[in-house]
Amino acid sequence: MSKQKEKNENNSINITKKEIATRIRAFRKDQKLTQRRLGEILGINFQHVSKYERGEFIPTFENLIKFNTNFKLNLNWLLTGSGSMYVDQKEPYVVTGEEANQVIRDEDEMLGEIIEVLRGNEKLKVAVYELLQTYKNADRASDRFREIVQDLLIEKMGN
């Protein structure tokens, strides 16, 4: 990677961290929370919250989930600035046609690569087949186990 490209990517990351930091501070102020109280809710210390707000750290996946779960914070807004600060339960997320097409293209490309690898390696093809059979058998065993447990529960409730 060229030095200029690496510098541009680092600048982009720093801008993103600063933007997320600004939104975390705005969110905390909107909730009328201190850094200490927000830290208690998230299960982290207030110094960590302060580092979020200075753009030194970005929230872990676990803490992003806590933001959403505890406050209905819109993670799309937090990470990108798009949409409103809070999730509106009345407005479900709508996948655009282009987003769906991109996912399909990405998956098709990945499947194509997997198929090419399998075509070139007979041992790997057999191993994948055996693995899929194992999963199929495990699903059947799991279904059978569930049926037996349900029968036992029904029988126990009848006694």
N, C-alpha and C. Protein backbone atom coordinates (compact mmCIF):
# COMPACT_ATOMS: atom_id res chain seq x y z
N MET A 1 0.85 -1.18 0.00
CA MET A 1 0.00 0.00 0.00
C MET A 1 0.89 1.23 0.00
N SER A 2 0.54 2.21 -0.82
CA SER A 2 1.35 3.42 -0.89
C SER A 2 1.17 4.24 0.38
N LYS A 3 2.18 5.04 0.67
CA LYS A 3 2.15 5.89 1.87
C LYS A 3 0.96 6.84 1.82
N GLN A 4 0.69 7.41 0.65
CA GLN A 4 -0.41 8.36 0.51
C GLN A 4 -1.75 7.69 0.76
N LYS A 5 -1.95 6.49 0.20
CA LYS A 5 -3.21 5.77 0.38
C LYS A 5 -3.39 5.41 1.86
N GLU A 6 -2.30 4.95 2.50
CA GLU A 6 -2.35 4.61 3.93
C GLU A 6 -2.69 5.84 4.76
N LYS A 7 -2.09 6.99 4.41
CA LYS A 7 -2.36 8.24 5.13
C LYS A 7 -3.83 8.64 4.96
N ASN A 8 -4.36 8.51 3.74
CA ASN A 8 -5.77 8.84 3.49
C ASN A 8 -6.70 7.94 4.29
N GLU A 9 -6.39 6.63 4.34
CA GLU A 9 -7.22 5.70 5.11
C GLU A 9 -7.16 6.04 6.60
N ASN A 10 -5.98 6.35 7.12
CA ASN A 10 -5.86 6.73 8.53
C ASN A 10 -6.63 8.01 8.83
N ASN A 11 -6.57 8.99 7.92
CA ASN A 11 -7.33 10.22 8.09
C ASN A 11 -8.82 9.92 8.11
N SER A 12 -9.26 9.04 7.21
CA SER A 12 -10.67 8.66 7.14
C SER A 12 -11.12 8.01 8.44
N ILE A 13 -10.28 7.11 8.97
CA ILE A 13 -10.61 6.44 10.23
C ILE A 13 -10.68 7.46 11.35
N ASN A 14 -9.72 8.40 11.41
CA ASN A 14 -9.73 9.42 12.46
C ASN A 14 -10.96 10.30 12.36
N ILE A 15 -11.34 10.67 11.14
CA ILE A 15 -12.55 11.49 10.95
C ILE A 15 -13.76 10.71 11.45
N THR A 16 -13.85 9.43 11.10
CA THR A 16 -14.97 8.61 11.53
C THR A 16 -15.00 8.51 13.05
N LYS A 17 -13.86 8.28 13.70
CA LYS A 17 -13.82 8.20 15.16
C LYS A 17 -14.30 9.51 15.78
N LYS A 18 -13.87 10.63 15.22
CA LYS A 18 -14.27 11.93 15.75
C LYS A 18 -15.77 12.15 15.57
N GLU A 19 -16.30 11.72 14.42
CA GLU A 19 -17.73 11.87 14.17
C GLU A 19 -18.54 11.01 15.13
N ILE A 20 -18.10 9.77 15.36
CA ILE A 20 -18.79 8.89 16.31
C ILE A 20 -18.69 9.50 17.70
N ALA A 21 -17.51 10.02 18.05
CA ALA A 21 -17.30 10.64 19.36
C ALA A 21 -18.30 11.79 19.57
N THR A 22 -18.46 12.62 18.56
CA THR A 22 -19.39 13.75 18.64
C THR A 22 -20.82 13.26 18.87
N ARG A 23 -21.20 12.19 18.17
CA ARG A 23 -22.56 11.67 18.32
C ARG A 23 -22.76 11.00 19.69
N ILE A 24 -21.73 10.34 20.21
CA ILE A 24 -21.86 9.74 21.55
C ILE A 24 -22.08 10.83 22.58
N ARG A 25 -21.32 11.91 22.49
CA ARG A 25 -21.48 13.04 23.42
C ARG A 25 -22.88 13.64 23.29
N ALA A 26 -23.33 13.84 22.05
CA ALA A 26 -24.66 14.41 21.83
C ALA A 26 -25.74 13.50 22.42
N PHE A 27 -25.58 12.20 22.22
CA PHE A 27 -26.52 11.23 22.78
C PHE A 27 -26.54 11.31 24.31
N ARG A 28 -25.35 11.30 24.91
CA ARG A 28 -25.26 11.33 26.38
C ARG A 28 -25.90 12.60 26.93
N LYS A 29 -25.65 13.72 26.27
CA LYS A 29 -26.25 14.99 26.71
C LYS A 29 -27.77 14.94 26.55
N ASP A 30 -28.24 14.35 25.44
CA ASP A 30 -29.67 14.23 25.21
C ASP A 30 -30.33 13.39 26.31
N GLN A 31 -29.63 12.38 26.78
CA GLN A 31 -30.14 11.52 27.86
C GLN A 31 -29.94 12.13 29.24
N LYS A 32 -29.22 13.27 29.30
CA LYS A 32 -28.92 13.94 30.57
C LYS A 32 -28.17 13.01 31.52
N LEU A 33 -27.19 12.29 30.96
CA LEU A 33 -26.38 11.36 31.73
C LEU A 33 -24.97 11.92 31.92
N THR A 34 -24.38 11.61 33.05
CA THR A 34 -22.97 11.90 33.22
C THR A 34 -22.18 10.78 32.56
N GLN A 35 -20.90 11.03 32.35
CA GLN A 35 -20.05 9.96 31.81
C GLN A 35 -20.02 8.78 32.78
N ARG A 36 -20.02 9.08 34.06
CA ARG A 36 -19.99 8.02 35.07
C ARG A 36 -21.25 7.15 34.98
N ARG A 37 -22.42 7.78 34.88
CA ARG A 37 -23.67 7.03 34.83
C ARG A 37 -23.77 6.21 33.54
N LEU A 38 -23.39 6.80 32.41
CA LEU A 38 -23.41 6.05 31.16
C LEU A 38 -22.47 4.85 31.26
N GLY A 39 -21.31 5.06 31.85
CA GLY A 39 -20.36 3.96 32.04
C GLY A 39 -20.95 2.84 32.89
N GLU A 40 -21.67 3.21 33.95
CA GLU A 40 -22.31 2.19 34.80
C GLU A 40 -23.31 1.37 34.00
N ILE A 41 -24.09 2.04 33.18
CA ILE A 41 -25.12 1.34 32.39
C ILE A 41 -24.46 0.41 31.37
N LEU A 42 -23.36 0.86 30.77
CA LEU A 42 -22.67 0.05 29.76
C LEU A 42 -21.74 -0.99 30.39
N GLY A 43 -21.47 -0.83 31.69
CA GLY A 43 -20.55 -1.78 32.36
C GLY A 43 -19.09 -1.44 32.12
N ILE A 44 -18.80 -0.16 31.90
CA ILE A 44 -17.41 0.30 31.71
C ILE A 44 -17.18 1.49 32.63
N ASN A 45 -15.92 1.87 32.84
CA ASN A 45 -15.67 3.02 33.71
C ASN A 45 -15.83 4.33 32.94
N PHE A 46 -15.98 5.42 33.69
CA PHE A 46 -16.26 6.71 33.05
C PHE A 46 -15.09 7.18 32.19
N GLN A 47 -13.85 6.75 32.52
CA GLN A 47 -12.71 7.14 31.69
C GLN A 47 -12.85 6.55 30.28
N HIS A 48 -13.42 5.37 30.21
CA HIS A 48 -13.63 4.73 28.91
C HIS A 48 -14.66 5.53 28.10
N VAL A 49 -15.72 5.97 28.77
CA VAL A 49 -16.73 6.80 28.10
C VAL A 49 -16.07 8.08 27.60
N SER A 50 -15.21 8.66 28.44
CA SER A 50 -14.50 9.87 28.04
C SER A 50 -13.66 9.63 26.79
N LYS A 51 -13.01 8.48 26.72
CA LYS A 51 -12.21 8.15 25.54
C LYS A 51 -13.09 7.96 24.31
N TYR A 52 -14.30 7.43 24.49
CA TYR A 52 -15.25 7.36 23.39
C TYR A 52 -15.53 8.77 22.88
N GLU A 53 -15.79 9.68 23.81
CA GLU A 53 -16.19 11.04 23.44
C GLU A 53 -15.04 11.87 22.88
N ARG A 54 -13.82 11.47 23.14
CA ARG A 54 -12.65 12.15 22.56
C ARG A 54 -12.22 11.51 21.25
N GLY A 55 -12.86 10.39 20.89
CA GLY A 55 -12.52 9.71 19.64
C GLY A 55 -11.29 8.84 19.75
N GLU A 56 -10.86 8.53 20.96
CA GLU A 56 -9.70 7.66 21.14
C GLU A 56 -10.08 6.19 20.96
N PHE A 57 -11.29 5.84 21.36
CA PHE A 57 -11.82 4.49 21.19
C PHE A 57 -13.16 4.60 20.50
N ILE A 58 -13.55 3.52 19.83
CA ILE A 58 -14.93 3.41 19.37
C ILE A 58 -15.56 2.26 20.16
N PRO A 59 -16.85 2.30 20.37
CA PRO A 59 -17.50 1.25 21.18
C PRO A 59 -17.31 -0.14 20.57
N THR A 60 -17.16 -1.10 21.45
CA THR A 60 -17.09 -2.50 21.02
C THR A 60 -18.47 -2.91 20.51
N PHE A 61 -18.53 -4.02 19.80
CA PHE A 61 -19.80 -4.55 19.32
C PHE A 61 -20.75 -4.75 20.50
N GLU A 62 -20.22 -5.31 21.60
CA GLU A 62 -21.04 -5.55 22.79
C GLU A 62 -21.64 -4.25 23.31
N ASN A 63 -20.84 -3.18 23.36
CA ASN A 63 -21.35 -1.91 23.85
C ASN A 63 -22.32 -1.25 22.87
N LEU A 64 -22.11 -1.47 21.57
CA LEU A 64 -23.09 -0.97 20.60
C LEU A 64 -24.45 -1.61 20.86
N ILE A 65 -24.45 -2.90 21.13
CA ILE A 65 -25.70 -3.60 21.43
C ILE A 65 -26.33 -3.03 22.69
N LYS A 66 -25.51 -2.74 23.71
CA LYS A 66 -26.03 -2.15 24.96
C LYS A 66 -26.64 -0.78 24.71
N PHE A 67 -25.98 0.04 23.85
CA PHE A 67 -26.55 1.34 23.51
C PHE A 67 -27.94 1.16 22.92
N ASN A 68 -28.07 0.21 22.00
CA ASN A 68 -29.34 -0.03 21.34
C ASN A 68 -30.37 -0.60 22.30
N THR A 69 -29.98 -1.59 23.08
CA THR A 69 -30.91 -2.27 23.97
C THR A 69 -31.40 -1.36 25.09
N ASN A 70 -30.47 -0.65 25.73
CA ASN A 70 -30.83 0.17 26.88
C ASN A 70 -31.50 1.49 26.52
N PHE A 71 -31.17 2.03 25.36
CA PHE A 71 -31.64 3.38 25.03
C PHE A 71 -32.40 3.46 23.71
N LYS A 72 -32.51 2.35 22.98
CA LYS A 72 -33.11 2.36 21.64
C LYS A 72 -32.36 3.33 20.73
N LEU A 73 -31.03 3.42 20.95
CA LEU A 73 -30.19 4.28 20.13
C LEU A 73 -30.09 3.66 18.74
N ASN A 74 -30.26 4.47 17.73
CA ASN A 74 -30.17 4.03 16.35
C ASN A 74 -28.67 3.88 16.01
N LEU A 75 -28.22 2.64 15.86
CA LEU A 75 -26.81 2.39 15.59
C LEU A 75 -26.38 2.92 14.23
N ASN A 76 -27.30 2.96 13.28
CA ASN A 76 -26.98 3.56 11.99
C ASN A 76 -26.64 5.04 12.18
N TRP A 77 -27.42 5.73 13.00
CA TRP A 77 -27.14 7.14 13.29
C TRP A 77 -25.79 7.27 14.00
N LEU A 78 -25.56 6.43 15.01
CA LEU A 78 -24.33 6.53 15.78
C LEU A 78 -23.10 6.33 14.90
N LEU A 79 -23.14 5.34 14.03
CA LEU A 79 -21.96 5.00 13.23
C LEU A 79 -21.81 5.82 11.95
N THR A 80 -22.93 6.28 11.39
CA THR A 80 -22.84 6.98 10.10
C THR A 80 -23.41 8.39 10.12
N GLY A 81 -24.23 8.69 11.12
CA GLY A 81 -24.90 9.99 11.16
C GLY A 81 -26.20 10.01 10.38
N SER A 82 -26.58 8.87 9.79
CA SER A 82 -27.81 8.81 9.00
C SER A 82 -29.00 8.45 9.87
N GLY A 83 -30.14 9.06 9.58
CA GLY A 83 -31.35 8.75 10.31
C GLY A 83 -31.46 9.55 11.59
N SER A 84 -32.41 9.15 12.43
CA SER A 84 -32.61 9.86 13.68
C SER A 84 -31.80 9.19 14.79
N MET A 85 -31.65 9.90 15.91
CA MET A 85 -30.83 9.41 17.01
C MET A 85 -31.39 8.12 17.61
N TYR A 86 -32.70 8.01 17.64
CA TYR A 86 -33.32 6.85 18.28
C TYR A 86 -34.07 6.01 17.25
N VAL A 87 -34.17 4.72 17.55
CA VAL A 87 -34.90 3.80 16.69
C VAL A 87 -36.39 4.09 16.85
N ASP A 88 -37.06 4.28 15.73
CA ASP A 88 -38.50 4.46 15.74
C ASP A 88 -39.13 3.13 15.36
N GLN A 89 -39.79 2.50 16.31
CA GLN A 89 -40.35 1.18 16.08
C GLN A 89 -41.38 1.18 14.95
N LYS A 90 -41.94 2.34 14.63
CA LYS A 90 -42.95 2.42 13.58
C LYS A 90 -42.34 2.41 12.19
N GLU A 91 -41.04 2.71 12.11
CA GLU A 91 -40.39 2.78 10.81
C GLU A 91 -39.36 1.66 10.70
N PRO A 92 -39.77 0.51 10.16
CA PRO A 92 -38.80 -0.58 10.01
C PRO A 92 -37.74 -0.23 8.97
N TYR A 93 -36.58 -0.81 9.13
CA TYR A 93 -35.51 -0.60 8.17
C TYR A 93 -35.91 -1.24 6.85
N VAL A 94 -35.77 -0.50 5.78
CA VAL A 94 -36.14 -0.99 4.46
C VAL A 94 -34.85 -1.17 3.66
N VAL A 95 -34.66 -2.37 3.16
CA VAL A 95 -33.50 -2.67 2.33
C VAL A 95 -33.80 -2.18 0.92
N THR A 96 -32.89 -1.39 0.38
CA THR A 96 -33.08 -0.91 -0.98
C THR A 96 -32.76 -2.03 -1.96
N GLY A 97 -33.26 -1.89 -3.16
CA GLY A 97 -32.98 -2.87 -4.19
C GLY A 97 -31.49 -2.99 -4.46
N GLU A 98 -30.79 -1.86 -4.45
CA GLU A 98 -29.35 -1.89 -4.71
C GLU A 98 -28.61 -2.63 -3.59
N GLU A 99 -29.02 -2.41 -2.33
CA GLU A 99 -28.38 -3.14 -1.21
C GLU A 99 -28.60 -4.64 -1.35
N ALA A 100 -29.81 -5.03 -1.68
CA ALA A 100 -30.11 -6.45 -1.85
C ALA A 100 -29.31 -7.03 -3.01
N ASN A 101 -29.23 -6.30 -4.11
CA ASN A 101 -28.46 -6.76 -5.26
C ASN A 101 -26.98 -6.91 -4.93
N GLN A 102 -26.45 -5.98 -4.13
CA GLN A 102 -25.04 -6.05 -3.76
C GLN A 102 -24.77 -7.30 -2.92
N VAL A 103 -25.66 -7.59 -1.98
CA VAL A 103 -25.51 -8.80 -1.16
C VAL A 103 -25.54 -10.03 -2.03
N ILE A 104 -26.47 -10.07 -2.95
CA ILE A 104 -26.58 -11.22 -3.86
C ILE A 104 -25.32 -11.35 -4.72
N ARG A 105 -24.82 -10.22 -5.25
CA ARG A 105 -23.60 -10.27 -6.06
C ARG A 105 -22.42 -10.78 -5.23
N ASP A 106 -22.29 -10.27 -3.98
CA ASP A 106 -21.19 -10.69 -3.12
C ASP A 106 -21.27 -12.18 -2.82
N GLU A 107 -22.49 -12.66 -2.50
CA GLU A 107 -22.66 -14.08 -2.20
C GLU A 107 -22.42 -14.94 -3.42
N ASP A 108 -22.89 -14.51 -4.58
CA ASP A 108 -22.67 -15.26 -5.82
C ASP A 108 -21.17 -15.36 -6.12
N GLU A 109 -20.46 -14.25 -5.92
CA GLU A 109 -19.02 -14.25 -6.16
C GLU A 109 -18.32 -15.22 -5.22
N MET A 110 -18.70 -15.20 -3.95
CA MET A 110 -18.09 -16.09 -2.97
C MET A 110 -18.40 -17.54 -3.30
N LEU A 111 -19.66 -17.83 -3.64
CA LEU A 111 -20.02 -19.20 -4.01
C LEU A 111 -19.25 -19.66 -5.24
N GLY A 112 -19.07 -18.78 -6.20
CA GLY A 112 -18.30 -19.12 -7.39
C GLY A 112 -16.87 -19.50 -7.03
N GLU A 113 -16.27 -18.74 -6.12
CA GLU A 113 -14.90 -19.04 -5.69
C GLU A 113 -14.85 -20.39 -4.97
N ILE A 114 -15.84 -20.66 -4.13
CA ILE A 114 -15.88 -21.93 -3.40
C ILE A 114 -16.02 -23.09 -4.38
N ILE A 115 -16.89 -22.94 -5.36
CA ILE A 115 -17.10 -24.01 -6.36
C ILE A 115 -15.81 -24.27 -7.13
N GLU A 116 -15.10 -23.22 -7.50
CA GLU A 116 -13.83 -23.40 -8.23
C GLU A 116 -12.82 -24.16 -7.38
N VAL A 117 -12.74 -23.85 -6.09
CA VAL A 117 -11.82 -24.56 -5.20
C VAL A 117 -12.22 -26.02 -5.10
N LEU A 118 -13.52 -26.29 -4.95
CA LEU A 118 -13.99 -27.68 -4.85
C LEU A 118 -13.73 -28.46 -6.13
N ARG A 119 -13.92 -27.83 -7.27
CA ARG A 119 -13.68 -28.51 -8.54
C ARG A 119 -12.22 -28.97 -8.67
N GLY A 120 -11.33 -28.20 -8.08
CA GLY A 120 -9.92 -28.50 -8.23
C GLY A 120 -9.36 -29.44 -7.18
N ASN A 121 -10.18 -29.87 -6.22
CA ASN A 121 -9.64 -30.69 -5.14
C ASN A 121 -10.65 -31.76 -4.74
N GLU A 122 -10.41 -32.96 -5.19
CA GLU A 122 -11.35 -34.07 -4.93
C GLU A 122 -11.46 -34.39 -3.44
N LYS A 123 -10.33 -34.37 -2.72
CA LYS A 123 -10.35 -34.68 -1.28
C LYS A 123 -11.21 -33.65 -0.53
N LEU A 124 -11.04 -32.39 -0.88
CA LEU A 124 -11.82 -31.34 -0.22
C LEU A 124 -13.30 -31.50 -0.53
N LYS A 125 -13.62 -31.85 -1.77
CA LYS A 125 -15.02 -32.06 -2.17
C LYS A 125 -15.65 -33.16 -1.31
N VAL A 126 -14.93 -34.26 -1.12
CA VAL A 126 -15.44 -35.37 -0.30
C VAL A 126 -15.59 -34.93 1.15
N ALA A 127 -14.62 -34.18 1.66
CA ALA A 127 -14.68 -33.71 3.05
C ALA A 127 -15.89 -32.80 3.27
N VAL A 128 -16.16 -31.91 2.33
CA VAL A 128 -17.32 -31.02 2.44
C VAL A 128 -18.61 -31.83 2.41
N TYR A 129 -18.68 -32.80 1.52
CA TYR A 129 -19.87 -33.66 1.43
C TYR A 129 -20.08 -34.38 2.76
N GLU A 130 -19.03 -34.95 3.34
CA GLU A 130 -19.14 -35.66 4.61
C GLU A 130 -19.59 -34.71 5.73
N LEU A 131 -19.06 -33.51 5.71
CA LEU A 131 -19.45 -32.52 6.72
C LEU A 131 -20.93 -32.17 6.61
N LEU A 132 -21.41 -31.98 5.38
CA LEU A 132 -22.82 -31.66 5.18
C LEU A 132 -23.71 -32.81 5.62
N GLN A 133 -23.29 -34.03 5.36
CA GLN A 133 -24.05 -35.20 5.81
C GLN A 133 -24.11 -35.24 7.34
N THR A 134 -23.02 -34.92 7.98
CA THR A 134 -22.98 -34.90 9.45
C THR A 134 -23.99 -33.88 9.99
N TYR A 135 -24.03 -32.69 9.38
CA TYR A 135 -24.99 -31.68 9.81
C TYR A 135 -26.42 -32.15 9.60
N LYS A 136 -26.66 -32.79 8.47
CA LYS A 136 -28.00 -33.31 8.18
C LYS A 136 -28.42 -34.32 9.24
N ASN A 137 -27.51 -35.24 9.57
CA ASN A 137 -27.79 -36.25 10.59
C ASN A 137 -27.99 -35.61 11.96
N ALA A 138 -27.20 -34.58 12.26
CA ALA A 138 -27.35 -33.90 13.54
C ALA A 138 -28.71 -33.22 13.63
N ASP A 139 -29.17 -32.63 12.52
CA ASP A 139 -30.49 -32.00 12.50
C ASP A 139 -31.58 -33.03 12.77
N ARG A 140 -31.45 -34.20 12.13
CA ARG A 140 -32.45 -35.25 12.34
C ARG A 140 -32.43 -35.71 13.80
N ALA A 141 -31.24 -35.88 14.36
CA ALA A 141 -31.12 -36.31 15.76
C ALA A 141 -31.70 -35.25 16.69
N SER A 142 -31.45 -34.00 16.38
CA SER A 142 -31.98 -32.91 17.19
C SER A 142 -33.51 -32.89 17.15
N ASP A 143 -34.06 -33.07 15.94
CA ASP A 143 -35.53 -33.11 15.80
C ASP A 143 -36.11 -34.28 16.59
N ARG A 144 -35.47 -35.43 16.50
CA ARG A 144 -35.95 -36.62 17.23
C ARG A 144 -35.88 -36.40 18.73
N PHE A 145 -34.79 -35.79 19.20
CA PHE A 145 -34.64 -35.49 20.63
C PHE A 145 -35.77 -34.55 21.09
N ARG A 146 -36.05 -33.53 20.30
CA ARG A 146 -37.11 -32.57 20.63
C ARG A 146 -38.46 -33.28 20.73
N GLU A 147 -38.73 -34.19 19.80
CA GLU A 147 -39.99 -34.95 19.82
C GLU A 147 -40.10 -35.78 21.10
N ILE A 148 -39.03 -36.45 21.48
CA ILE A 148 -39.04 -37.29 22.68
C ILE A 148 -39.28 -36.44 23.92
N VAL A 149 -38.60 -35.31 24.01
CA VAL A 149 -38.78 -34.42 25.17
C VAL A 149 -40.21 -33.91 25.23
N GLN A 150 -40.77 -33.52 24.09
CA GLN A 150 -42.16 -33.05 24.07
C GLN A 150 -43.11 -34.15 24.51
N ASP A 151 -42.89 -35.38 24.03
CA ASP A 151 -43.73 -36.51 24.44
C ASP A 151 -43.64 -36.74 25.94
N LEU A 152 -42.41 -36.66 26.48
CA LEU A 152 -42.22 -36.85 27.92
C LEU A 152 -42.93 -35.76 28.72
N LEU A 153 -42.85 -34.53 28.25
CA LEU A 153 -43.51 -33.43 28.96
C LEU A 153 -45.03 -33.59 28.92
N ILE A 154 -45.55 -33.99 27.77
CA ILE A 154 -46.99 -34.20 27.65
C ILE A 154 -47.42 -35.33 28.57
N GLU A 155 -46.64 -36.41 28.59
CA GLU A 155 -46.94 -37.56 29.44
C GLU A 155 -46.89 -37.14 30.91
N LYS A 156 -45.89 -36.35 31.29
CA LYS A 156 -45.74 -35.92 32.69
C LYS A 156 -46.91 -35.01 33.11
N MET A 157 -47.35 -34.16 32.19
CA MET A 157 -48.47 -33.25 32.51
C MET A 157 -49.76 -34.03 32.66
N GLY A 158 -49.88 -35.16 31.97
CA GLY A 158 -51.06 -35.97 32.04
C GLY A 158 -51.17 -36.73 33.36
N ASN A 159 -50.04 -36.96 34.03
CA ASN A 159 -50.04 -37.71 35.30
C ASN A 159 -50.34 -36.84 36.48
